[in-house]
């Protein structure tokens, strides 16, 4: 049992789980826009998420060097380095425009983590901004990159799916913000800090209703997607309703982050 917990913790702490979520959202984009499987983009996003999230999570710790790195952190560092090599491999398989946009998102990740100006906080600590940066990055990476690389014309459906994806990621992040409420710096001005937990849950559920209704505006929507989205709405609504500061970290780091994976699996097997 202890070995299983160690493996699960490494799976989560090394950002494999969140990378899998990002990967499956790219796959959802392929499904929605009828794009043939593009392994280069999907794998680039997977390994890029691992490196990006690990950089955000462990950069400050690595630079501080206040204590000797534990074995798990050394393994995560090695795993991240191997993932960086894979990023380079898949990067050169992308179209030029996709490469340029990918570099833009790299710059946003650096801005999110590193203070570019003296005596200034990084973007991660800008009051009330974090959730929007995260949601926009996920939209750009999981919809923008696949569409650009496939050279598909931009239509109204593209903008519709961007709005839906933004709503989905926004709602996933506010579950994290509810659970982290007691630990977050008050200056961050997260959504629960600004409007309270109850109103945050109401906002999340309202946004998920909008997420579902937007599907009816798509050109030629299909019944299967409506069914899958209905299940997604119910699951995420329950996770929002039962979110509180006493939940374990697995509630968000495994179950909430696993929602995109389940969404894609439903599309594959239903």
C-alpha atoms as a PDB file:
ATOM      1  CA  UNK A   1       0.000   0.000   0.000  1.00  0.00           C
ATOM      2  CA  UNK A   2       2.859   2.372   0.820  1.00  0.00           C
ATOM      3  CA  UNK A   3       4.468   1.701  -2.578  1.00  0.00           C
ATOM      4  CA  UNK A   4       1.173   2.483  -4.293  1.00  0.00           C
ATOM      5  CA  UNK A   5       0.927   5.794  -2.422  1.00  0.00           C
ATOM      6  CA  UNK A   6       4.514   6.686  -3.346  1.00  0.00           C
ATOM      7  CA  UNK A   7       3.803   5.950  -7.015  1.00  0.00           C
ATOM      8  CA  UNK A   8       0.555   7.937  -6.910  1.00  0.00           C
ATOM      9  CA  UNK A   9       2.293  10.884  -5.256  1.00  0.00           C
ATOM     10  CA  UNK A  10       5.068  10.843  -7.856  1.00  0.00           C
ATOM     11  CA  UNK A  11       2.454  10.610 -10.632  1.00  0.00           C
ATOM     12  CA  UNK A  12       0.737  13.721  -9.274  1.00  0.00           C
ATOM     13  CA  UNK A  13       3.783  15.675  -8.069  1.00  0.00           C
ATOM     14  CA  UNK A  14       5.663  15.199 -11.336  1.00  0.00           C
ATOM     15  CA  UNK A  15       2.656  16.722 -13.195  1.00  0.00           C
ATOM     16  CA  UNK A  16       1.963  13.594 -15.261  1.00  0.00           C
ATOM     17  CA  UNK A  17      -1.698  13.715 -14.263  1.00  0.00           C
ATOM     18  CA  UNK A  18      -2.248  17.356 -15.229  1.00  0.00           C
ATOM     19  CA  UNK A  19      -0.291  16.745 -18.446  1.00  0.00           C
ATOM     20  CA  UNK A  20      -2.593  13.836 -19.254  1.00  0.00           C
ATOM     21  CA  UNK A  21      -5.550  16.179 -18.733  1.00  0.00           C
ATOM     22  CA  UNK A  22      -4.050  18.671 -21.180  1.00  0.00           C
ATOM     23  CA  UNK A  23      -3.297  15.863 -23.636  1.00  0.00           C
ATOM     24  CA  UNK A  24      -6.898  14.609 -23.540  1.00  0.00           C
ATOM     25  CA  UNK A  25      -8.230  18.129 -24.121  1.00  0.00           C
ATOM     26  CA  UNK A  26      -6.128  18.249 -27.296  1.00  0.00           C
ATOM     27  CA  UNK A  27      -7.696  14.920 -28.251  1.00  0.00           C
ATOM     28  CA  UNK A  28     -11.125  16.438 -27.588  1.00  0.00           C
ATOM     29  CA  UNK A  29     -10.238  19.225 -30.013  1.00  0.00           C
ATOM     30  CA  UNK A  30      -9.333  16.621 -32.636  1.00  0.00           C
ATOM     31  CA  UNK A  31     -12.724  14.988 -32.090  1.00  0.00           C
ATOM     32  CA  UNK A  32     -14.708  18.221 -32.184  1.00  0.00           C
ATOM     33  CA  UNK A  33     -13.063  19.562 -35.349  1.00  0.00           C
ATOM     34  CA  UNK A  34     -12.618  16.181 -37.068  1.00  0.00           C
ATOM     35  CA  UNK A  35      -8.828  16.499 -37.147  1.00  0.00           C
ATOM     36  CA  UNK A  36      -6.855  13.340 -37.992  1.00  0.00           C
ATOM     37  CA  UNK A  37      -4.671  12.194 -35.119  1.00  0.00           C
ATOM     38  CA  UNK A  38      -1.712  14.555 -34.914  1.00  0.00           C
ATOM     39  CA  UNK A  39       0.697  12.852 -32.527  1.00  0.00           C
ATOM     40  CA  UNK A  40       3.294  15.634 -32.751  1.00  0.00           C
ATOM     41  CA  UNK A  41       1.002  18.351 -31.338  1.00  0.00           C
ATOM     42  CA  UNK A  42      -0.615  16.122 -28.718  1.00  0.00           C
ATOM     43  CA  UNK A  43       2.721  14.819 -27.452  1.00  0.00           C
ATOM     44  CA  UNK A  44       4.289  18.285 -27.562  1.00  0.00           C
ATOM     45  CA  UNK A  45       1.473  19.547 -25.324  1.00  0.00           C
ATOM     46  CA  UNK A  46       1.835  16.557 -22.979  1.00  0.00           C
ATOM     47  CA  UNK A  47       5.562  16.965 -22.392  1.00  0.00           C
ATOM     48  CA  UNK A  48       5.315  20.755 -22.478  1.00  0.00           C
ATOM     49  CA  UNK A  49       2.754  20.664 -19.669  1.00  0.00           C
ATOM     50  CA  UNK A  50       5.046  18.495 -17.553  1.00  0.00           C
ATOM     51  CA  UNK A  51       7.978  20.884 -17.973  1.00  0.00           C
ATOM     52  CA  UNK A  52       5.850  24.005 -17.599  1.00  0.00           C
ATOM     53  CA  UNK A  53       4.027  22.909 -14.454  1.00  0.00           C
ATOM     54  CA  UNK A  54       7.140  21.492 -12.811  1.00  0.00           C
ATOM     55  CA  UNK A  55       8.993  24.715 -13.559  1.00  0.00           C
ATOM     56  CA  UNK A  56       6.182  26.740 -11.975  1.00  0.00           C
ATOM     57  CA  UNK A  57       5.962  24.465  -8.922  1.00  0.00           C
ATOM     58  CA  UNK A  58       9.622  23.834  -8.181  1.00  0.00           C
ATOM     59  CA  UNK A  59      11.554  26.766  -9.636  1.00  0.00           C
ATOM     60  CA  UNK A  60      11.492  28.818  -6.430  1.00  0.00           C
ATOM     61  CA  UNK A  61      12.536  25.798  -4.359  1.00  0.00           C
ATOM     62  CA  UNK A  62      15.408  24.966  -6.685  1.00  0.00           C
ATOM     63  CA  UNK A  63      16.696  28.548  -6.761  1.00  0.00           C
ATOM     64  CA  UNK A  64      16.441  28.982  -2.978  1.00  0.00           C
ATOM     65  CA  UNK A  65      18.612  25.900  -2.309  1.00  0.00           C
ATOM     66  CA  UNK A  66      17.724  26.138   1.354  1.00  0.00           C
ATOM     67  CA  UNK A  67      17.761  22.394   1.788  1.00  0.00           C
ATOM     68  CA  UNK A  68      19.158  19.431  -0.009  1.00  0.00           C
ATOM     69  CA  UNK A  69      16.826  18.127  -2.693  1.00  0.00           C
ATOM     70  CA  UNK A  70      14.920  15.051  -1.650  1.00  0.00           C
ATOM     71  CA  UNK A  71      15.001  11.890  -3.759  1.00  0.00           C
ATOM     72  CA  UNK A  72      11.535  12.562  -5.207  1.00  0.00           C
ATOM     73  CA  UNK A  73      12.535  16.068  -6.320  1.00  0.00           C
ATOM     74  CA  UNK A  74      15.676  14.706  -7.946  1.00  0.00           C
ATOM     75  CA  UNK A  75      13.579  12.181  -9.859  1.00  0.00           C
ATOM     76  CA  UNK A  76      11.128  14.907 -10.874  1.00  0.00           C
ATOM     77  CA  UNK A  77      14.025  17.075 -12.069  1.00  0.00           C
ATOM     78  CA  UNK A  78      15.411  14.173 -14.134  1.00  0.00           C
ATOM     79  CA  UNK A  79      11.963  13.370 -15.509  1.00  0.00           C
ATOM     80  CA  UNK A  80      11.433  17.042 -16.421  1.00  0.00           C
ATOM     81  CA  UNK A  81      14.777  17.133 -18.214  1.00  0.00           C
ATOM     82  CA  UNK A  82      13.835  14.051 -20.266  1.00  0.00           C
ATOM     83  CA  UNK A  83      10.479  15.703 -21.033  1.00  0.00           C
ATOM     84  CA  UNK A  84      12.339  18.822 -22.194  1.00  0.00           C
ATOM     85  CA  UNK A  85      14.250  16.700 -24.703  1.00  0.00           C
ATOM     86  CA  UNK A  86      10.945  15.286 -25.967  1.00  0.00           C
ATOM     87  CA  UNK A  87       9.596  18.832 -26.325  1.00  0.00           C
ATOM     88  CA  UNK A  88      12.507  19.654 -28.617  1.00  0.00           C
ATOM     89  CA  UNK A  89      11.898  16.503 -30.656  1.00  0.00           C
ATOM     90  CA  UNK A  90       8.200  17.235 -31.239  1.00  0.00           C
ATOM     91  CA  UNK A  91       8.677  21.005 -31.582  1.00  0.00           C
ATOM     92  CA  UNK A  92      10.511  20.576 -34.885  1.00  0.00           C
ATOM     93  CA  UNK A  93       7.648  18.460 -36.215  1.00  0.00           C
ATOM     94  CA  UNK A  94       5.174  21.334 -35.827  1.00  0.00           C
ATOM     95  CA  UNK A  95       4.223  23.878 -38.477  1.00  0.00           C
ATOM     96  CA  UNK A  96       6.097  27.188 -38.311  1.00  0.00           C
ATOM     97  CA  UNK A  97       3.072  29.182 -37.101  1.00  0.00           C
ATOM     98  CA  UNK A  98       2.448  26.593 -34.387  1.00  0.00           C
ATOM     99  CA  UNK A  99       6.061  26.880 -33.269  1.00  0.00           C
ATOM    100  CA  UNK A 100       5.764  30.670 -33.002  1.00  0.00           C
ATOM    101  CA  UNK A 101       2.581  30.490 -30.918  1.00  0.00           C
ATOM    102  CA  UNK A 102       4.112  27.786 -28.732  1.00  0.00           C
ATOM    103  CA  UNK A 103       7.042  30.118 -27.985  1.00  0.00           C
ATOM    104  CA  UNK A 104       4.528  32.825 -27.011  1.00  0.00           C
ATOM    105  CA  UNK A 105       2.990  30.490 -24.446  1.00  0.00           C
ATOM    106  CA  UNK A 106       6.476  29.677 -23.181  1.00  0.00           C
ATOM    107  CA  UNK A 107       7.006  33.402 -22.602  1.00  0.00           C
ATOM    108  CA  UNK A 108       3.712  33.588 -20.695  1.00  0.00           C
ATOM    109  CA  UNK A 109       4.844  30.673 -18.508  1.00  0.00           C
ATOM    110  CA  UNK A 110       8.079  32.506 -17.701  1.00  0.00           C
ATOM    111  CA  UNK A 111       6.145  35.691 -16.943  1.00  0.00           C
ATOM    112  CA  UNK A 112       3.854  33.664 -14.706  1.00  0.00           C
ATOM    113  CA  UNK A 113       6.810  32.315 -12.723  1.00  0.00           C
ATOM    114  CA  UNK A 114       9.680  34.804 -12.807  1.00  0.00           C
ATOM    115  CA  UNK A 115       9.572  38.471 -11.748  1.00  0.00           C
ATOM    116  CA  UNK A 116      10.721  40.376 -14.843  1.00  0.00           C
ATOM    117  CA  UNK A 117      10.973  43.716 -13.058  1.00  0.00           C
ATOM    118  CA  UNK A 118      12.944  44.497  -9.870  1.00  0.00           C
ATOM    119  CA  UNK A 119      10.902  44.431  -6.668  1.00  0.00           C
ATOM    120  CA  UNK A 120       7.856  43.218  -8.570  1.00  0.00           C
ATOM    121  CA  UNK A 121       5.874  40.045  -8.075  1.00  0.00           C
ATOM    122  CA  UNK A 122       5.534  37.506 -10.850  1.00  0.00           C
ATOM    123  CA  UNK A 123       2.225  37.182 -12.720  1.00  0.00           C
ATOM    124  CA  UNK A 124       1.275  34.234 -10.541  1.00  0.00           C
ATOM    125  CA  UNK A 125       0.923  36.652  -7.619  1.00  0.00           C
ATOM    126  CA  UNK A 126      -0.880  39.474  -9.396  1.00  0.00           C
ATOM    127  CA  UNK A 127      -4.146  40.105  -7.558  1.00  0.00           C
ATOM    128  CA  UNK A 128      -7.123  38.437  -9.217  1.00  0.00           C
ATOM    129  CA  UNK A 129      -5.251  37.580 -12.433  1.00  0.00           C
ATOM    130  CA  UNK A 130      -3.969  34.028 -11.912  1.00  0.00           C
ATOM    131  CA  UNK A 131      -7.179  32.185 -12.821  1.00  0.00           C
ATOM    132  CA  UNK A 132      -7.565  34.073 -16.104  1.00  0.00           C
ATOM    133  CA  UNK A 133      -3.947  33.486 -17.155  1.00  0.00           C
ATOM    134  CA  UNK A 134      -4.293  29.747 -16.474  1.00  0.00           C
ATOM    135  CA  UNK A 135      -7.609  29.464 -18.334  1.00  0.00           C
ATOM    136  CA  UNK A 136      -6.366  31.441 -21.354  1.00  0.00           C
ATOM    137  CA  UNK A 137      -3.174  29.372 -21.572  1.00  0.00           C
ATOM    138  CA  UNK A 138      -5.135  26.121 -21.483  1.00  0.00           C
ATOM    139  CA  UNK A 139      -7.469  27.397 -24.212  1.00  0.00           C
ATOM    140  CA  UNK A 140      -4.545  28.466 -26.393  1.00  0.00           C
ATOM    141  CA  UNK A 141      -2.590  25.247 -25.917  1.00  0.00           C
ATOM    142  CA  UNK A 142      -5.443  22.730 -26.165  1.00  0.00           C
ATOM    143  CA  UNK A 143      -7.448  24.414 -28.944  1.00  0.00           C
ATOM    144  CA  UNK A 144      -5.246  27.039 -30.592  1.00  0.00           C
ATOM    145  CA  UNK A 145      -2.169  24.886 -31.221  1.00  0.00           C
ATOM    146  CA  UNK A 146      -4.053  21.864 -32.689  1.00  0.00           C
ATOM    147  CA  UNK A 147      -6.154  24.092 -34.953  1.00  0.00           C
ATOM    148  CA  UNK A 148      -3.135  26.055 -36.168  1.00  0.00           C
ATOM    149  CA  UNK A 149      -1.079  22.934 -36.831  1.00  0.00           C
ATOM    150  CA  UNK A 150      -3.938  21.317 -38.755  1.00  0.00           C
ATOM    151  CA  UNK A 151      -4.343  24.528 -40.788  1.00  0.00           C
ATOM    152  CA  UNK A 152      -8.104  24.502 -40.306  1.00  0.00           C
ATOM    153  CA  UNK A 153     -10.026  27.680 -41.225  1.00  0.00           C
ATOM    154  CA  UNK A 154     -11.218  29.698 -38.228  1.00  0.00           C
ATOM    155  CA  UNK A 155     -15.018  29.627 -38.007  1.00  0.00           C
ATOM    156  CA  UNK A 156     -17.642  30.581 -35.426  1.00  0.00           C
ATOM    157  CA  UNK A 157     -17.362  27.071 -33.968  1.00  0.00           C
ATOM    158  CA  UNK A 158     -13.737  27.790 -33.066  1.00  0.00           C
ATOM    159  CA  UNK A 159     -14.679  30.811 -30.967  1.00  0.00           C
ATOM    160  CA  UNK A 160     -17.569  28.901 -29.422  1.00  0.00           C
ATOM    161  CA  UNK A 161     -15.283  26.056 -28.351  1.00  0.00           C
ATOM    162  CA  UNK A 162     -12.735  28.541 -26.993  1.00  0.00           C
ATOM    163  CA  UNK A 163     -15.410  30.054 -24.764  1.00  0.00           C
ATOM    164  CA  UNK A 164     -16.546  26.606 -23.608  1.00  0.00           C
ATOM    165  CA  UNK A 165     -12.975  25.507 -22.893  1.00  0.00           C
ATOM    166  CA  UNK A 166     -12.283  28.730 -20.970  1.00  0.00           C
ATOM    167  CA  UNK A 167     -15.398  28.142 -18.847  1.00  0.00           C
ATOM    168  CA  UNK A 168     -14.429  24.534 -18.162  1.00  0.00           C
ATOM    169  CA  UNK A 169     -10.886  25.386 -17.030  1.00  0.00           C
ATOM    170  CA  UNK A 170     -12.132  28.389 -15.035  1.00  0.00           C
ATOM    171  CA  UNK A 171     -14.560  26.141 -13.141  1.00  0.00           C
ATOM    172  CA  UNK A 172     -11.860  23.531 -12.508  1.00  0.00           C
ATOM    173  CA  UNK A 173      -9.533  26.190 -11.097  1.00  0.00           C
ATOM    174  CA  UNK A 174     -12.123  27.669  -8.730  1.00  0.00           C
ATOM    175  CA  UNK A 175     -12.451  24.252  -7.078  1.00  0.00           C
ATOM    176  CA  UNK A 176      -8.727  24.526  -6.297  1.00  0.00           C
ATOM    177  CA  UNK A 177      -9.246  28.067  -5.023  1.00  0.00           C
ATOM    178  CA  UNK A 178     -12.046  26.999  -2.679  1.00  0.00           C
ATOM    179  CA  UNK A 179      -9.959  24.202  -1.159  1.00  0.00           C
ATOM    180  CA  UNK A 180      -6.838  26.405  -0.890  1.00  0.00           C
ATOM    181  CA  UNK A 181      -8.758  29.327   0.604  1.00  0.00           C
ATOM    182  CA  UNK A 182      -7.192  29.103   4.057  1.00  0.00           C
ATOM    183  CA  UNK A 183      -3.647  28.821   2.641  1.00  0.00           C
ATOM    184  CA  UNK A 184      -3.768  31.416  -0.148  1.00  0.00           C
ATOM    185  CA  UNK A 185      -2.291  34.854   0.426  1.00  0.00           C
ATOM    186  CA  UNK A 186      -5.217  37.316   0.845  1.00  0.00           C
ATOM    187  CA  UNK A 187      -3.506  39.635  -1.638  1.00  0.00           C
ATOM    188  CA  UNK A 188      -4.048  37.081  -4.424  1.00  0.00           C
ATOM    189  CA  UNK A 189      -7.714  38.063  -4.552  1.00  0.00           C
ATOM    190  CA  UNK A 190      -8.894  34.653  -5.739  1.00  0.00           C
ATOM    191  CA  UNK A 191     -12.554  34.291  -6.656  1.00  0.00           C
ATOM    192  CA  UNK A 192     -13.598  32.813  -3.248  1.00  0.00           C
ATOM    193  CA  UNK A 193     -11.655  35.569  -1.472  1.00  0.00           C
ATOM    194  CA  UNK A 194     -13.513  38.218  -3.448  1.00  0.00           C
ATOM    195  CA  UNK A 195     -17.084  36.922  -3.387  1.00  0.00           C
ATOM    196  CA  UNK A 196     -17.119  34.107  -0.811  1.00  0.00           C
ATOM    197  CA  UNK A 197     -17.365  30.337  -1.140  1.00  0.00           C
ATOM    198  CA  UNK A 198     -21.138  30.095  -1.583  1.00  0.00           C
ATOM    199  CA  UNK A 199     -21.261  32.666  -4.379  1.00  0.00           C
ATOM    200  CA  UNK A 200     -18.219  31.048  -5.994  1.00  0.00           C
ATOM    201  CA  UNK A 201     -20.025  27.712  -6.146  1.00  0.00           C
ATOM    202  CA  UNK A 202     -23.119  29.405  -7.564  1.00  0.00           C
ATOM    203  CA  UNK A 203     -20.955  31.157 -10.156  1.00  0.00           C
ATOM    204  CA  UNK A 204     -19.279  27.881 -11.126  1.00  0.00           C
ATOM    205  CA  UNK A 205     -22.532  25.986 -11.581  1.00  0.00           C
ATOM    206  CA  UNK A 206     -24.042  28.909 -13.525  1.00  0.00           C
ATOM    207  CA  UNK A 207     -21.038  28.943 -15.837  1.00  0.00           C
ATOM    208  CA  UNK A 208     -21.332  25.185 -16.386  1.00  0.00           C
ATOM    209  CA  UNK A 209     -24.987  25.659 -17.365  1.00  0.00           C
ATOM    210  CA  UNK A 210     -23.798  28.236 -19.901  1.00  0.00           C
ATOM    211  CA  UNK A 211     -21.099  25.768 -21.017  1.00  0.00           C
ATOM    212  CA  UNK A 212     -23.807  23.200 -21.756  1.00  0.00           C
ATOM    213  CA  UNK A 213     -26.206  25.610 -23.489  1.00  0.00           C
ATOM    214  CA  UNK A 214     -23.472  26.920 -25.793  1.00  0.00           C
ATOM    215  CA  UNK A 215     -23.325  23.475 -27.412  1.00  0.00           C
ATOM    216  CA  UNK A 216     -26.695  24.190 -29.031  1.00  0.00           C
ATOM    217  CA  UNK A 217     -25.166  27.112 -30.942  1.00  0.00           C
ATOM    218  CA  UNK A 218     -22.652  24.897 -32.715  1.00  0.00           C
ATOM    219  CA  UNK A 219     -23.171  24.253 -36.412  1.00  0.00           C
ATOM    220  CA  UNK A 220     -24.563  20.719 -36.640  1.00  0.00           C
ATOM    221  CA  UNK A 221     -24.261  19.714 -32.975  1.00  0.00           C
ATOM    222  CA  UNK A 222     -24.505  15.983 -32.258  1.00  0.00           C
ATOM    223  CA  UNK A 223     -26.499  14.098 -29.657  1.00  0.00           C
ATOM    224  CA  UNK A 224     -23.463  12.231 -28.341  1.00  0.00           C
ATOM    225  CA  UNK A 225     -21.660  15.452 -27.422  1.00  0.00           C
ATOM    226  CA  UNK A 226     -24.773  16.731 -25.658  1.00  0.00           C
ATOM    227  CA  UNK A 227     -24.966  13.550 -23.578  1.00  0.00           C
ATOM    228  CA  UNK A 228     -21.265  13.620 -22.710  1.00  0.00           C
ATOM    229  CA  UNK A 229     -21.445  17.306 -21.786  1.00  0.00           C
ATOM    230  CA  UNK A 230     -24.451  16.635 -19.562  1.00  0.00           C
ATOM    231  CA  UNK A 231     -22.482  14.015 -17.610  1.00  0.00           C
ATOM    232  CA  UNK A 232     -19.541  16.440 -17.403  1.00  0.00           C
ATOM    233  CA  UNK A 233     -21.848  19.157 -16.056  1.00  0.00           C
ATOM    234  CA  UNK A 234     -23.217  16.867 -13.333  1.00  0.00           C
ATOM    235  CA  UNK A 235     -19.777  15.607 -12.258  1.00  0.00           C
ATOM    236  CA  UNK A 236     -18.151  19.016 -12.076  1.00  0.00           C
ATOM    237  CA  UNK A 237     -21.181  20.506 -10.320  1.00  0.00           C
ATOM    238  CA  UNK A 238     -20.917  17.867  -7.586  1.00  0.00           C
ATOM    239  CA  UNK A 239     -17.184  18.507  -7.217  1.00  0.00           C
ATOM    240  CA  UNK A 240     -17.955  22.210  -6.831  1.00  0.00           C
ATOM    241  CA  UNK A 241     -20.768  21.665  -4.337  1.00  0.00           C
ATOM    242  CA  UNK A 242     -18.736  19.371  -2.083  1.00  0.00           C
ATOM    243  CA  UNK A 243     -15.512  21.376  -2.265  1.00  0.00           C
ATOM    244  CA  UNK A 244     -14.333  22.760   1.071  1.00  0.00           C
ATOM    245  CA  UNK A 245     -11.105  23.614   2.858  1.00  0.00           C
ATOM    246  CA  UNK A 246     -11.004  20.235   4.651  1.00  0.00           C
ATOM    247  CA  UNK A 247     -10.748  18.134   1.508  1.00  0.00           C
ATOM    248  CA  UNK A 248      -7.503  16.251   0.921  1.00  0.00           C
ATOM    249  CA  UNK A 249      -5.154  17.337  -1.843  1.00  0.00           C
ATOM    250  CA  UNK A 250      -6.194  14.302  -3.879  1.00  0.00           C
ATOM    251  CA  UNK A 251      -9.653  15.846  -4.249  1.00  0.00           C
ATOM    252  CA  UNK A 252      -8.223  18.461  -6.594  1.00  0.00           C
ATOM    253  CA  UNK A 253      -4.868  17.048  -7.696  1.00  0.00           C
ATOM    254  CA  UNK A 254      -6.387  13.745  -8.802  1.00  0.00           C
ATOM    255  CA  UNK A 255     -10.175  13.908  -9.116  1.00  0.00           C
ATOM    256  CA  UNK A 256     -10.674  17.486 -10.314  1.00  0.00           C
ATOM    257  CA  UNK A 257      -7.676  17.424 -12.653  1.00  0.00           C
ATOM    258  CA  UNK A 258      -8.912  14.080 -13.948  1.00  0.00           C
ATOM    259  CA  UNK A 259     -12.200  15.540 -15.230  1.00  0.00           C
ATOM    260  CA  UNK A 260     -10.827  16.264 -18.758  1.00  0.00           C
ATOM    261  CA  UNK A 261      -9.512  12.692 -18.943  1.00  0.00           C
ATOM    262  CA  UNK A 262     -12.937  11.309 -18.065  1.00  0.00           C
ATOM    263  CA  UNK A 263     -14.569  13.682 -20.575  1.00  0.00           C
ATOM    264  CA  UNK A 264     -12.400  12.304 -23.361  1.00  0.00           C
ATOM    265  CA  UNK A 265     -12.900   8.671 -22.273  1.00  0.00           C
ATOM    266  CA  UNK A 266     -16.663   9.178 -22.448  1.00  0.00           C
ATOM    267  CA  UNK A 267     -16.328  10.424 -26.035  1.00  0.00           C
ATOM    268  CA  UNK A 268     -14.177   7.396 -26.919  1.00  0.00           C
ATOM    269  CA  UNK A 269     -16.306   4.672 -25.322  1.00  0.00           C
ATOM    270  CA  UNK A 270     -19.906   5.928 -25.350  1.00  0.00           C
END
